[in-house]
């Protein structure tokens, strides 16, 4: 994408010349201060963030429910890092496959920015056990509000980065939350 075709909130990485992950600017600034070059990243919900993480981290794995999106991102990266799982919010059989997509991967960072958000966050905390959990669109009405998520993560340190100039349908600002699990 050129600078003229960016969607609201998107930024170009000044070192890499590619789109950064589409998180709030405060969260991006915080992540960019971290050395992730030796980290393994698992991402629920693939996109240009997957491309960006593939250039910054040691290894990236992603899962997505859109075959077209998975294929496009794999083509951009030049390898099969995005697993496609044909699922939707109501399909419990494929939901399990989607949520368990990273079983066996020793992950340092897990990003939840796709479907089945609570289930993915719960699986990350209880099974994958990464150092860092990132949840984009944290507690926003048009994407995902889940009191059970707050309960699940209440014992972990959270840094929540709010983008005041972008609000959801109820006037809540866009937010990305970073949880430090260990």
C-alpha atoms as a PDB file:
ATOM      1  CA  UNK A   1       0.000   0.000   0.000  1.00  0.00           C
ATOM      2  CA  UNK A   2       1.185   3.474  -0.677  1.00  0.00           C
ATOM      3  CA  UNK A   3       1.002   6.191   1.961  1.00  0.00           C
ATOM      4  CA  UNK A   4      -1.952   7.685   0.050  1.00  0.00           C
ATOM      5  CA  UNK A   5      -4.006   4.475   0.296  1.00  0.00           C
ATOM      6  CA  UNK A   6      -3.747   3.819   4.022  1.00  0.00           C
ATOM      7  CA  UNK A   7      -6.891   3.137   6.026  1.00  0.00           C
ATOM      8  CA  UNK A   8      -7.515   5.028   9.251  1.00  0.00           C
ATOM      9  CA  UNK A   9      -4.843   4.254  11.820  1.00  0.00           C
ATOM     10  CA  UNK A  10      -2.495   2.360   9.521  1.00  0.00           C
ATOM     11  CA  UNK A  11       1.185   3.273   9.505  1.00  0.00           C
ATOM     12  CA  UNK A  12       4.202   2.359   7.416  1.00  0.00           C
ATOM     13  CA  UNK A  13       7.135   0.907   9.338  1.00  0.00           C
ATOM     14  CA  UNK A  14       9.956   3.442   8.834  1.00  0.00           C
ATOM     15  CA  UNK A  15      12.698   0.770   8.915  1.00  0.00           C
ATOM     16  CA  UNK A  16      10.977  -1.893   6.810  1.00  0.00           C
ATOM     17  CA  UNK A  17       8.913   0.258   4.452  1.00  0.00           C
ATOM     18  CA  UNK A  18       5.868  -2.013   4.871  1.00  0.00           C
ATOM     19  CA  UNK A  19       2.559  -1.705   6.703  1.00  0.00           C
ATOM     20  CA  UNK A  20       2.851  -2.131  10.431  1.00  0.00           C
ATOM     21  CA  UNK A  21       0.348  -4.279  12.261  1.00  0.00           C
ATOM     22  CA  UNK A  22      -2.966  -2.442  12.479  1.00  0.00           C
ATOM     23  CA  UNK A  23      -2.981  -1.842  16.230  1.00  0.00           C
ATOM     24  CA  UNK A  24      -3.393   1.411  18.116  1.00  0.00           C
ATOM     25  CA  UNK A  25      -0.399   3.690  17.715  1.00  0.00           C
ATOM     26  CA  UNK A  26       0.516   3.489  21.404  1.00  0.00           C
ATOM     27  CA  UNK A  27       0.570  -0.312  21.254  1.00  0.00           C
ATOM     28  CA  UNK A  28       2.674  -0.229  18.085  1.00  0.00           C
ATOM     29  CA  UNK A  29       5.121   2.178  19.699  1.00  0.00           C
ATOM     30  CA  UNK A  30       5.389  -0.159  22.720  1.00  0.00           C
ATOM     31  CA  UNK A  31       5.877  -3.254  20.548  1.00  0.00           C
ATOM     32  CA  UNK A  32       8.497  -1.472  18.427  1.00  0.00           C
ATOM     33  CA  UNK A  33      10.528  -0.827  21.602  1.00  0.00           C
ATOM     34  CA  UNK A  34      10.635  -4.589  22.267  1.00  0.00           C
ATOM     35  CA  UNK A  35      13.327  -6.786  20.774  1.00  0.00           C
ATOM     36  CA  UNK A  36      11.252  -9.534  19.165  1.00  0.00           C
ATOM     37  CA  UNK A  37      13.950 -10.804  16.809  1.00  0.00           C
ATOM     38  CA  UNK A  38      14.273 -14.045  18.810  1.00  0.00           C
ATOM     39  CA  UNK A  39      10.523 -14.481  19.428  1.00  0.00           C
ATOM     40  CA  UNK A  40       8.041 -16.954  17.966  1.00  0.00           C
ATOM     41  CA  UNK A  41       4.711 -15.280  17.185  1.00  0.00           C
ATOM     42  CA  UNK A  42       1.362 -17.029  16.774  1.00  0.00           C
ATOM     43  CA  UNK A  43      -1.439 -14.947  15.338  1.00  0.00           C
ATOM     44  CA  UNK A  44      -5.155 -15.716  15.365  1.00  0.00           C
ATOM     45  CA  UNK A  45      -6.432 -13.716  12.398  1.00  0.00           C
ATOM     46  CA  UNK A  46      -3.892 -13.193   9.615  1.00  0.00           C
ATOM     47  CA  UNK A  47      -3.270 -10.083   7.564  1.00  0.00           C
ATOM     48  CA  UNK A  48      -0.634  -7.488   6.845  1.00  0.00           C
ATOM     49  CA  UNK A  49       0.272  -7.747  10.522  1.00  0.00           C
ATOM     50  CA  UNK A  50       1.436 -11.298   9.730  1.00  0.00           C
ATOM     51  CA  UNK A  51       3.731  -9.911   7.035  1.00  0.00           C
ATOM     52  CA  UNK A  52       5.062  -7.275   9.459  1.00  0.00           C
ATOM     53  CA  UNK A  53       5.645  -9.814  12.245  1.00  0.00           C
ATOM     54  CA  UNK A  54       7.407 -12.125   9.744  1.00  0.00           C
ATOM     55  CA  UNK A  55      10.002  -9.386   9.172  1.00  0.00           C
ATOM     56  CA  UNK A  56      10.482  -8.616  12.871  1.00  0.00           C
ATOM     57  CA  UNK A  57      10.241 -11.956  14.711  1.00  0.00           C
ATOM     58  CA  UNK A  58      12.263 -15.161  14.463  1.00  0.00           C
ATOM     59  CA  UNK A  59       9.189 -17.123  13.301  1.00  0.00           C
ATOM     60  CA  UNK A  60       5.517 -16.388  12.718  1.00  0.00           C
ATOM     61  CA  UNK A  61       2.556 -18.739  12.485  1.00  0.00           C
ATOM     62  CA  UNK A  62      -0.977 -17.613  11.735  1.00  0.00           C
ATOM     63  CA  UNK A  63      -4.440 -19.050  11.262  1.00  0.00           C
ATOM     64  CA  UNK A  64      -7.348 -17.477   9.409  1.00  0.00           C
ATOM     65  CA  UNK A  65     -10.880 -18.453   8.429  1.00  0.00           C
ATOM     66  CA  UNK A  66     -10.646 -16.801   4.983  1.00  0.00           C
ATOM     67  CA  UNK A  67      -9.028 -19.006   2.353  1.00  0.00           C
ATOM     68  CA  UNK A  68      -8.480 -16.039   0.043  1.00  0.00           C
ATOM     69  CA  UNK A  69      -6.855 -13.973   2.799  1.00  0.00           C
ATOM     70  CA  UNK A  70      -4.638 -16.878   3.917  1.00  0.00           C
ATOM     71  CA  UNK A  71      -3.514 -17.493   0.329  1.00  0.00           C
ATOM     72  CA  UNK A  72      -2.815 -13.784  -0.282  1.00  0.00           C
ATOM     73  CA  UNK A  73      -0.713 -13.386   2.856  1.00  0.00           C
ATOM     74  CA  UNK A  74       1.203 -16.623   2.179  1.00  0.00           C
ATOM     75  CA  UNK A  75       1.949 -15.327  -1.336  1.00  0.00           C
ATOM     76  CA  UNK A  76       3.227 -11.983   0.005  1.00  0.00           C
ATOM     77  CA  UNK A  77       5.441 -13.688   2.602  1.00  0.00           C
ATOM     78  CA  UNK A  78       6.592 -16.365   0.175  1.00  0.00           C
ATOM     79  CA  UNK A  79       5.914 -19.322   2.466  1.00  0.00           C
ATOM     80  CA  UNK A  80       3.009 -21.159   4.029  1.00  0.00           C
ATOM     81  CA  UNK A  81       2.880 -19.418   7.415  1.00  0.00           C
ATOM     82  CA  UNK A  82      -0.915 -18.927   7.415  1.00  0.00           C
ATOM     83  CA  UNK A  83      -3.058 -21.987   8.026  1.00  0.00           C
ATOM     84  CA  UNK A  84      -6.576 -21.811   6.591  1.00  0.00           C
ATOM     85  CA  UNK A  85      -9.383 -23.292   8.691  1.00  0.00           C
ATOM     86  CA  UNK A  86     -12.846 -23.249   7.112  1.00  0.00           C
ATOM     87  CA  UNK A  87     -14.842 -22.094  10.100  1.00  0.00           C
ATOM     88  CA  UNK A  88     -17.354 -19.552  11.299  1.00  0.00           C
ATOM     89  CA  UNK A  89     -18.578 -18.384  14.683  1.00  0.00           C
ATOM     90  CA  UNK A  90     -21.193 -21.154  15.001  1.00  0.00           C
ATOM     91  CA  UNK A  91     -19.230 -24.219  13.889  1.00  0.00           C
ATOM     92  CA  UNK A  92     -17.936 -25.981  17.013  1.00  0.00           C
ATOM     93  CA  UNK A  93     -15.982 -28.699  15.160  1.00  0.00           C
ATOM     94  CA  UNK A  94     -13.886 -26.330  13.091  1.00  0.00           C
ATOM     95  CA  UNK A  95     -13.704 -23.830  15.970  1.00  0.00           C
ATOM     96  CA  UNK A  96     -11.673 -26.419  17.864  1.00  0.00           C
ATOM     97  CA  UNK A  97      -9.330 -26.841  14.877  1.00  0.00           C
ATOM     98  CA  UNK A  98      -8.931 -23.049  14.634  1.00  0.00           C
ATOM     99  CA  UNK A  99      -8.277 -22.557  18.360  1.00  0.00           C
ATOM    100  CA  UNK A 100      -5.820 -25.482  18.499  1.00  0.00           C
ATOM    101  CA  UNK A 101      -3.926 -24.418  15.353  1.00  0.00           C
ATOM    102  CA  UNK A 102      -0.710 -23.682  17.287  1.00  0.00           C
ATOM    103  CA  UNK A 103      -0.629 -26.700  19.576  1.00  0.00           C
ATOM    104  CA  UNK A 104       2.916 -28.004  19.655  1.00  0.00           C
ATOM    105  CA  UNK A 105       4.406 -24.575  18.873  1.00  0.00           C
ATOM    106  CA  UNK A 106       6.435 -22.983  21.653  1.00  0.00           C
ATOM    107  CA  UNK A 107       5.189 -19.418  21.346  1.00  0.00           C
ATOM    108  CA  UNK A 108       6.525 -16.249  22.913  1.00  0.00           C
ATOM    109  CA  UNK A 109       3.821 -13.886  21.651  1.00  0.00           C
ATOM    110  CA  UNK A 110       0.213 -14.720  20.790  1.00  0.00           C
ATOM    111  CA  UNK A 111      -2.022 -12.208  19.031  1.00  0.00           C
ATOM    112  CA  UNK A 112      -5.813 -12.515  19.122  1.00  0.00           C
ATOM    113  CA  UNK A 113      -7.308 -10.512  16.260  1.00  0.00           C
ATOM    114  CA  UNK A 114      -9.612 -12.955  14.500  1.00  0.00           C
ATOM    115  CA  UNK A 115     -12.745 -14.977  15.183  1.00  0.00           C
ATOM    116  CA  UNK A 116     -13.426 -17.081  18.300  1.00  0.00           C
ATOM    117  CA  UNK A 117     -11.620 -14.451  20.348  1.00  0.00           C
ATOM    118  CA  UNK A 118     -12.454 -15.642  23.844  1.00  0.00           C
ATOM    119  CA  UNK A 119     -11.678 -19.265  23.008  1.00  0.00           C
ATOM    120  CA  UNK A 120      -8.354 -18.266  21.428  1.00  0.00           C
ATOM    121  CA  UNK A 121      -7.367 -16.090  24.392  1.00  0.00           C
ATOM    122  CA  UNK A 122      -8.330 -18.834  26.834  1.00  0.00           C
ATOM    123  CA  UNK A 123      -6.336 -21.416  24.866  1.00  0.00           C
ATOM    124  CA  UNK A 124      -3.341 -19.089  24.780  1.00  0.00           C
ATOM    125  CA  UNK A 125      -3.419 -18.554  28.541  1.00  0.00           C
ATOM    126  CA  UNK A 126      -4.088 -22.169  29.541  1.00  0.00           C
ATOM    127  CA  UNK A 127      -2.273 -24.175  26.845  1.00  0.00           C
ATOM    128  CA  UNK A 128       0.140 -22.098  24.749  1.00  0.00           C
ATOM    129  CA  UNK A 129       1.355 -20.008  27.722  1.00  0.00           C
ATOM    130  CA  UNK A 130       3.202 -17.255  25.833  1.00  0.00           C
ATOM    131  CA  UNK A 131       5.166 -14.488  27.461  1.00  0.00           C
ATOM    132  CA  UNK A 132       2.940 -11.843  25.842  1.00  0.00           C
ATOM    133  CA  UNK A 133      -0.708 -11.870  24.707  1.00  0.00           C
ATOM    134  CA  UNK A 134      -1.910  -9.056  22.429  1.00  0.00           C
ATOM    135  CA  UNK A 135      -5.632  -8.476  21.912  1.00  0.00           C
ATOM    136  CA  UNK A 136      -6.594  -5.925  19.300  1.00  0.00           C
ATOM    137  CA  UNK A 137      -9.991  -4.204  19.380  1.00  0.00           C
ATOM    138  CA  UNK A 138      -9.975  -4.919  23.113  1.00  0.00           C
ATOM    139  CA  UNK A 139     -13.534  -4.714  24.500  1.00  0.00           C
ATOM    140  CA  UNK A 140     -15.090  -2.907  21.517  1.00  0.00           C
ATOM    141  CA  UNK A 141     -18.774  -3.424  20.802  1.00  0.00           C
ATOM    142  CA  UNK A 142     -18.609  -3.945  17.049  1.00  0.00           C
ATOM    143  CA  UNK A 143     -15.838  -6.509  17.329  1.00  0.00           C
ATOM    144  CA  UNK A 144     -15.717  -8.130  20.730  1.00  0.00           C
ATOM    145  CA  UNK A 145     -16.910  -7.398  24.255  1.00  0.00           C
ATOM    146  CA  UNK A 146     -16.537 -10.250  26.708  1.00  0.00           C
ATOM    147  CA  UNK A 147     -16.629  -9.869  30.504  1.00  0.00           C
ATOM    148  CA  UNK A 148     -15.277 -13.447  30.773  1.00  0.00           C
ATOM    149  CA  UNK A 149     -12.097 -12.260  29.037  1.00  0.00           C
ATOM    150  CA  UNK A 150     -11.509  -9.687  31.776  1.00  0.00           C
ATOM    151  CA  UNK A 151     -12.013 -12.411  34.385  1.00  0.00           C
ATOM    152  CA  UNK A 152      -9.619 -14.768  32.565  1.00  0.00           C
ATOM    153  CA  UNK A 153      -6.871 -12.130  32.410  1.00  0.00           C
ATOM    154  CA  UNK A 154      -7.449 -10.290  35.706  1.00  0.00           C
ATOM    155  CA  UNK A 155      -4.283 -11.638  37.354  1.00  0.00           C
ATOM    156  CA  UNK A 156      -1.936 -10.528  34.562  1.00  0.00           C
ATOM    157  CA  UNK A 157      -0.347  -7.160  34.010  1.00  0.00           C
ATOM    158  CA  UNK A 158      -2.105  -5.311  31.211  1.00  0.00           C
ATOM    159  CA  UNK A 159      -1.007  -2.291  29.217  1.00  0.00           C
ATOM    160  CA  UNK A 160      -4.025  -0.965  27.323  1.00  0.00           C
ATOM    161  CA  UNK A 161      -3.369   1.506  24.536  1.00  0.00           C
ATOM    162  CA  UNK A 162      -6.318   3.644  23.508  1.00  0.00           C
ATOM    163  CA  UNK A 163      -6.666   5.542  20.239  1.00  0.00           C
ATOM    164  CA  UNK A 164      -8.954   8.408  21.243  1.00  0.00           C
ATOM    165  CA  UNK A 165      -9.528   9.649  17.687  1.00  0.00           C
ATOM    166  CA  UNK A 166     -11.203   6.386  16.575  1.00  0.00           C
ATOM    167  CA  UNK A 167     -14.396   5.262  18.307  1.00  0.00           C
ATOM    168  CA  UNK A 168     -16.813   2.350  18.026  1.00  0.00           C
ATOM    169  CA  UNK A 169     -20.613   2.614  17.654  1.00  0.00           C
ATOM    170  CA  UNK A 170     -21.077   3.334  21.368  1.00  0.00           C
ATOM    171  CA  UNK A 171     -18.363   5.978  21.519  1.00  0.00           C
ATOM    172  CA  UNK A 172     -15.702   3.693  23.009  1.00  0.00           C
ATOM    173  CA  UNK A 173     -12.247   4.419  21.612  1.00  0.00           C
ATOM    174  CA  UNK A 174     -10.254   1.800  19.703  1.00  0.00           C
ATOM    175  CA  UNK A 175      -7.915  -0.088  22.012  1.00  0.00           C
ATOM    176  CA  UNK A 176      -5.163  -2.677  21.846  1.00  0.00           C
ATOM    177  CA  UNK A 177      -4.268  -4.518  25.032  1.00  0.00           C
ATOM    178  CA  UNK A 178      -0.929  -6.143  25.770  1.00  0.00           C
ATOM    179  CA  UNK A 179      -0.921  -8.701  28.594  1.00  0.00           C
ATOM    180  CA  UNK A 180       2.299  -9.904  30.192  1.00  0.00           C
ATOM    181  CA  UNK A 181       1.681 -13.509  31.220  1.00  0.00           C
ATOM    182  CA  UNK A 182       5.099 -14.366  32.624  1.00  0.00           C
END
